[in-house]
C-alpha atoms as a PDB file:
ATOM      1  CA  UNK A   1      -0.194   0.326  -0.521  1.00  0.00           C
ATOM      2  CA  UNK A   2       0.755   4.125  -0.189  1.00  0.00           C
ATOM      3  CA  UNK A   3       2.202   4.218   3.384  1.00  0.00           C
ATOM      4  CA  UNK A   4       4.614   1.391   2.694  1.00  0.00           C
ATOM      5  CA  UNK A   5       5.900   2.547  -0.111  1.00  0.00           C
ATOM      6  CA  UNK A   6       6.490   5.527   1.269  1.00  0.00           C
ATOM      7  CA  UNK A   7       8.501   4.065   4.317  1.00  0.00           C
ATOM      8  CA  UNK A   8      10.278   2.035   1.732  1.00  0.00           C
ATOM      9  CA  UNK A   9      11.301   4.986  -0.049  1.00  0.00           C
ATOM     10  CA  UNK A  10      12.464   6.573   3.145  1.00  0.00           C
ATOM     11  CA  UNK A  11      13.986   3.957   4.832  1.00  0.00           C
ATOM     12  CA  UNK A  12      16.021   2.936   1.247  1.00  0.00           C
ATOM     13  CA  UNK A  13      16.183   6.058  -0.548  1.00  0.00           C
ATOM     14  CA  UNK A  14      16.390   4.316  -4.058  1.00  0.00           C
ATOM     15  CA  UNK A  15      17.455   6.235  -6.988  1.00  0.00           C
ATOM     16  CA  UNK A  16      13.979   5.434  -8.839  1.00  0.00           C
ATOM     17  CA  UNK A  17      10.824   3.662  -7.899  1.00  0.00           C
ATOM     18  CA  UNK A  18       7.852   1.988  -8.948  1.00  0.00           C
ATOM     19  CA  UNK A  19       4.629   3.212  -8.436  1.00  0.00           C
ATOM     20  CA  UNK A  20       1.232   1.645  -9.153  1.00  0.00           C
ATOM     21  CA  UNK A  21      -1.088   4.124  -9.494  1.00  0.00           C
ATOM     22  CA  UNK A  22      -4.153   2.226  -7.986  1.00  0.00           C
ATOM     23  CA  UNK A  23      -3.403   1.180  -4.391  1.00  0.00           C
ATOM     24  CA  UNK A  24      -4.551  -0.331  -1.375  1.00  0.00           C
ATOM     25  CA  UNK A  25      -7.005   0.003   0.864  1.00  0.00           C
ATOM     26  CA  UNK A  26      -9.302   2.257  -1.471  1.00  0.00           C
ATOM     27  CA  UNK A  27      -7.745   1.124  -5.385  1.00  0.00           C
ATOM     28  CA  UNK A  28      -7.883   4.716  -6.610  1.00  0.00           C
ATOM     29  CA  UNK A  29      -5.676   7.374  -6.489  1.00  0.00           C
ATOM     30  CA  UNK A  30      -3.110   6.214  -3.365  1.00  0.00           C
ATOM     31  CA  UNK A  31      -0.399   5.297  -5.790  1.00  0.00           C
ATOM     32  CA  UNK A  32      -0.261   8.560  -7.087  1.00  0.00           C
ATOM     33  CA  UNK A  33      -0.816  10.876  -4.073  1.00  0.00           C
ATOM     34  CA  UNK A  34       2.226   8.731  -3.271  1.00  0.00           C
ATOM     35  CA  UNK A  35       4.598   9.140  -6.377  1.00  0.00           C
ATOM     36  CA  UNK A  36       3.901  13.110  -5.850  1.00  0.00           C
ATOM     37  CA  UNK A  37       4.898  12.757  -2.006  1.00  0.00           C
ATOM     38  CA  UNK A  38       8.274  10.666  -3.295  1.00  0.00           C
ATOM     39  CA  UNK A  39       8.448  13.506  -5.339  1.00  0.00           C
ATOM     40  CA  UNK A  40       8.322  16.120  -2.815  1.00  0.00           C
ATOM     41  CA  UNK A  41      10.365  14.325  -0.068  1.00  0.00           C
ATOM     42  CA  UNK A  42      13.265  13.047  -2.520  1.00  0.00           C
ATOM     43  CA  UNK A  43      13.484  14.929  -5.844  1.00  0.00           C
ATOM     44  CA  UNK A  44      16.531  13.314  -6.897  1.00  0.00           C
ATOM     45  CA  UNK A  45      14.566   9.766  -6.592  1.00  0.00           C
ATOM     46  CA  UNK A  46      13.226   9.131 -10.256  1.00  0.00           C
ATOM     47  CA  UNK A  47       9.997   7.761 -10.758  1.00  0.00           C
ATOM     48  CA  UNK A  48       7.785   5.208 -12.601  1.00  0.00           C
ATOM     49  CA  UNK A  49       4.033   5.355 -12.319  1.00  0.00           C
ATOM     50  CA  UNK A  50       2.043   2.574 -13.839  1.00  0.00           C
ATOM     51  CA  UNK A  51      -1.172   2.137 -14.637  1.00  0.00           C
ATOM     52  CA  UNK A  52      -3.938   0.156 -16.396  1.00  0.00           C
ATOM     53  CA  UNK A  53      -5.894   2.408 -17.336  1.00  0.00           C
ATOM     54  CA  UNK A  54      -5.545   5.293 -19.638  1.00  0.00           C
ATOM     55  CA  UNK A  55      -6.186   8.494 -17.208  1.00  0.00           C
ATOM     56  CA  UNK A  56      -4.616  11.803 -18.621  1.00  0.00           C
ATOM     57  CA  UNK A  57      -5.669  13.833 -15.419  1.00  0.00           C
ATOM     58  CA  UNK A  58      -3.611  11.524 -13.450  1.00  0.00           C
ATOM     59  CA  UNK A  59      -0.346  12.531 -16.502  1.00  0.00           C
ATOM     60  CA  UNK A  60      -1.184  16.072 -15.992  1.00  0.00           C
ATOM     61  CA  UNK A  61      -1.625  15.788 -12.206  1.00  0.00           C
ATOM     62  CA  UNK A  62       1.958  14.479 -12.115  1.00  0.00           C
ATOM     63  CA  UNK A  63       3.396  16.643 -14.648  1.00  0.00           C
ATOM     64  CA  UNK A  64       2.021  19.904 -13.103  1.00  0.00           C
ATOM     65  CA  UNK A  65       4.679  19.126 -10.261  1.00  0.00           C
ATOM     66  CA  UNK A  66       7.920  18.518 -11.835  1.00  0.00           C
ATOM     67  CA  UNK A  67       8.265  16.399 -14.928  1.00  0.00           C
ATOM     68  CA  UNK A  68      12.774  15.830 -14.923  1.00  0.00           C
ATOM     69  CA  UNK A  69      12.288  12.887 -13.134  1.00  0.00           C
ATOM     70  CA  UNK A  70       9.499  11.062 -13.930  1.00  0.00           C
ATOM     71  CA  UNK A  71       7.746   8.395 -16.119  1.00  0.00           C
ATOM     72  CA  UNK A  72       4.221   7.236 -16.793  1.00  0.00           C
ATOM     73  CA  UNK A  73       3.506   4.465 -18.451  1.00  0.00           C
ATOM     74  CA  UNK A  74       0.453   1.823 -19.326  1.00  0.00           C
ATOM     75  CA  UNK A  75       1.063  -1.540 -17.980  1.00  0.00           C
ATOM     76  CA  UNK A  76       0.362  -3.169 -20.787  1.00  0.00           C
ATOM     77  CA  UNK A  77       3.276  -1.268 -22.756  1.00  0.00           C
ATOM     78  CA  UNK A  78       5.881  -2.985 -19.860  1.00  0.00           C
ATOM     79  CA  UNK A  79       4.920  -6.145 -20.929  1.00  0.00           C
ATOM     80  CA  UNK A  80       8.119  -6.009 -22.535  1.00  0.00           C
ATOM     81  CA  UNK A  81      10.721  -5.877 -19.848  1.00  0.00           C
ATOM     82  CA  UNK A  82      12.788  -3.365 -22.115  1.00  0.00           C
ATOM     83  CA  UNK A  83      10.730  -0.604 -22.039  1.00  0.00           C
ATOM     84  CA  UNK A  84      10.480  -0.888 -18.637  1.00  0.00           C
ATOM     85  CA  UNK A  85      14.183  -0.621 -18.250  1.00  0.00           C
ATOM     86  CA  UNK A  86      14.835   1.869 -20.383  1.00  0.00           C
ATOM     87  CA  UNK A  87      11.735   4.475 -18.925  1.00  0.00           C
ATOM     88  CA  UNK A  88      13.902   3.443 -15.494  1.00  0.00           C
ATOM     89  CA  UNK A  89      16.744   3.799 -17.225  1.00  0.00           C
ATOM     90  CA  UNK A  90      15.434   7.811 -18.751  1.00  0.00           C
ATOM     91  CA  UNK A  91      13.762   8.541 -16.087  1.00  0.00           C
ATOM     92  CA  UNK A  92      17.154   8.755 -13.423  1.00  0.00           C
ATOM     93  CA  UNK A  93      18.502  10.694 -15.827  1.00  0.00           C
ATOM     94  CA  UNK A  94      16.468  13.297 -14.658  1.00  0.00           C
ATOM     95  CA  UNK A  95      13.752  12.694 -18.655  1.00  0.00           C
ATOM     96  CA  UNK A  96      10.504  13.043 -18.670  1.00  0.00           C
ATOM     97  CA  UNK A  97       8.456   9.710 -20.330  1.00  0.00           C
ATOM     98  CA  UNK A  98       5.321   9.097 -21.257  1.00  0.00           C
ATOM     99  CA  UNK A  99       3.328   6.511 -23.157  1.00  0.00           C
ATOM    100  CA  UNK A 100       2.677   6.925 -25.913  1.00  0.00           C
ATOM    101  CA  UNK A 101      -0.880   6.123 -25.444  1.00  0.00           C
ATOM    102  CA  UNK A 102      -0.888   8.915 -22.633  1.00  0.00           C
ATOM    103  CA  UNK A 103       0.638  11.718 -24.985  1.00  0.00           C
ATOM    104  CA  UNK A 104      -2.050  11.048 -28.628  1.00  0.00           C
ATOM    105  CA  UNK A 105      -4.585  11.723 -25.744  1.00  0.00           C
ATOM    106  CA  UNK A 106      -3.701  14.718 -23.480  1.00  0.00           C
ATOM    107  CA  UNK A 107      -2.721  15.938 -27.146  1.00  0.00           C
ATOM    108  CA  UNK A 108      -6.455  15.544 -28.559  1.00  0.00           C
ATOM    109  CA  UNK A 109      -7.760  17.044 -24.876  1.00  0.00           C
ATOM    110  CA  UNK A 110      -7.255  20.370 -26.581  1.00  0.00           C
ATOM    111  CA  UNK A 111      -9.423  23.472 -25.266  1.00  0.00           C
ATOM    112  CA  UNK A 112     -10.479  25.471 -28.181  1.00  0.00           C
ATOM    113  CA  UNK A 113      -8.238  28.549 -27.574  1.00  0.00           C
ATOM    114  CA  UNK A 114      -4.906  26.386 -26.833  1.00  0.00           C
ATOM    115  CA  UNK A 115      -1.828  27.561 -28.732  1.00  0.00           C
ATOM    116  CA  UNK A 116      -1.809  23.947 -29.485  1.00  0.00           C
ATOM    117  CA  UNK A 117      -4.485  24.241 -32.345  1.00  0.00           C
ATOM    118  CA  UNK A 118      -2.110  26.920 -33.680  1.00  0.00           C
ATOM    119  CA  UNK A 119       0.251  23.703 -35.042  1.00  0.00           C
ATOM    120  CA  UNK A 120       0.067  22.192 -37.845  1.00  0.00           C
ATOM    121  CA  UNK A 121      -0.756  18.063 -38.402  1.00  0.00           C
ATOM    122  CA  UNK A 122       3.317  17.809 -38.656  1.00  0.00           C
ATOM    123  CA  UNK A 123       4.132  19.561 -36.594  1.00  0.00           C
ATOM    124  CA  UNK A 124       1.998  17.865 -33.763  1.00  0.00           C
ATOM    125  CA  UNK A 125       3.615  14.363 -34.900  1.00  0.00           C
ATOM    126  CA  UNK A 126       6.925  16.109 -33.608  1.00  0.00           C
ATOM    127  CA  UNK A 127       5.494  17.845 -30.638  1.00  0.00           C
ATOM    128  CA  UNK A 128       3.714  13.748 -29.203  1.00  0.00           C
ATOM    129  CA  UNK A 129       7.275  12.425 -30.430  1.00  0.00           C
ATOM    130  CA  UNK A 130       9.240  15.716 -28.095  1.00  0.00           C
ATOM    131  CA  UNK A 131       6.839  14.567 -25.568  1.00  0.00           C
ATOM    132  CA  UNK A 132       7.855  11.021 -25.559  1.00  0.00           C
ATOM    133  CA  UNK A 133      11.457  12.193 -25.013  1.00  0.00           C
ATOM    134  CA  UNK A 134      12.149  11.074 -28.674  1.00  0.00           C
ATOM    135  CA  UNK A 135      15.710  12.292 -30.085  1.00  0.00           C
ATOM    136  CA  UNK A 136      15.871  14.315 -32.984  1.00  0.00           C
ATOM    137  CA  UNK A 137      17.061  11.799 -34.530  1.00  0.00           C
ATOM    138  CA  UNK A 138      14.603   9.476 -33.258  1.00  0.00           C
ATOM    139  CA  UNK A 139      12.005  11.635 -34.723  1.00  0.00           C
ATOM    140  CA  UNK A 140      13.150  11.835 -38.112  1.00  0.00           C
ATOM    141  CA  UNK A 141      13.780   8.021 -38.187  1.00  0.00           C
ATOM    142  CA  UNK A 142       9.951   7.831 -36.765  1.00  0.00           C
ATOM    143  CA  UNK A 143       8.292  10.155 -39.584  1.00  0.00           C
ATOM    144  CA  UNK A 144      10.956   9.475 -42.383  1.00  0.00           C
ATOM    145  CA  UNK A 145      11.811  12.733 -42.492  1.00  0.00           C
ATOM    146  CA  UNK A 146      15.544  14.144 -42.500  1.00  0.00           C
ATOM    147  CA  UNK A 147      16.944  15.536 -39.042  1.00  0.00           C
ATOM    148  CA  UNK A 148      16.931  19.395 -40.534  1.00  0.00           C
ATOM    149  CA  UNK A 149      13.327  18.926 -41.148  1.00  0.00           C
ATOM    150  CA  UNK A 150      12.414  17.853 -37.771  1.00  0.00           C
ATOM    151  CA  UNK A 151      14.891  20.937 -36.232  1.00  0.00           C
ATOM    152  CA  UNK A 152      12.643  22.725 -38.675  1.00  0.00           C
ATOM    153  CA  UNK A 153       9.257  21.534 -36.871  1.00  0.00           C
ATOM    154  CA  UNK A 154      10.486  22.103 -33.630  1.00  0.00           C
ATOM    155  CA  UNK A 155      11.935  25.507 -33.939  1.00  0.00           C
ATOM    156  CA  UNK A 156       8.291  26.376 -35.452  1.00  0.00           C
ATOM    157  CA  UNK A 157       6.446  24.797 -32.608  1.00  0.00           C
ATOM    158  CA  UNK A 158       8.743  26.982 -29.884  1.00  0.00           C
ATOM    159  CA  UNK A 159       7.420  29.849 -31.880  1.00  0.00           C
ATOM    160  CA  UNK A 160       4.088  29.096 -32.111  1.00  0.00           C
ATOM    161  CA  UNK A 161       3.602  27.887 -28.522  1.00  0.00           C
ATOM    162  CA  UNK A 162       5.701  31.155 -27.253  1.00  0.00           C
ATOM    163  CA  UNK A 163       8.580  28.359 -26.100  1.00  0.00           C
ATOM    164  CA  UNK A 164      11.946  30.041 -25.438  1.00  0.00           C
ATOM    165  CA  UNK A 165      14.981  27.226 -26.940  1.00  0.00           C
ATOM    166  CA  UNK A 166      17.156  26.168 -24.326  1.00  0.00           C
ATOM    167  CA  UNK A 167      19.386  23.198 -24.382  1.00  0.00           C
END
């Protein structure tokens, strides 16, 4: 349960914690609350949250705090252990790892006044892959375009979303 998880993290101070969103006793969002507490108490502890259900609002709650060192994956995606190991490695390095299905759902849940509506379809594809933590080369390979085209699309995304580029 969430209390036992927090005690273990307090005692052992792991590099990373894998947390199920739905934990006893109510099986609602105890794991989400515990994950957020871990991130507040131990910012250097990476957290990978697993969920059986696609819950974009949970992802939004987690990302609102501090996305670095955080992962959110659907359990069906981690049937391949390599996916989980890769996510753990990446969050341990400070990246944010989101399940592609969650990214797609978050991008579809646009407000009418959302700046995302300014993006072209290609720019939304690039943004979704960026949100998954993919490199420019990986995005180029996935979309079958040049890395230079990805760089141009990234610049457009930043410009249209009024974001300042940074390393």
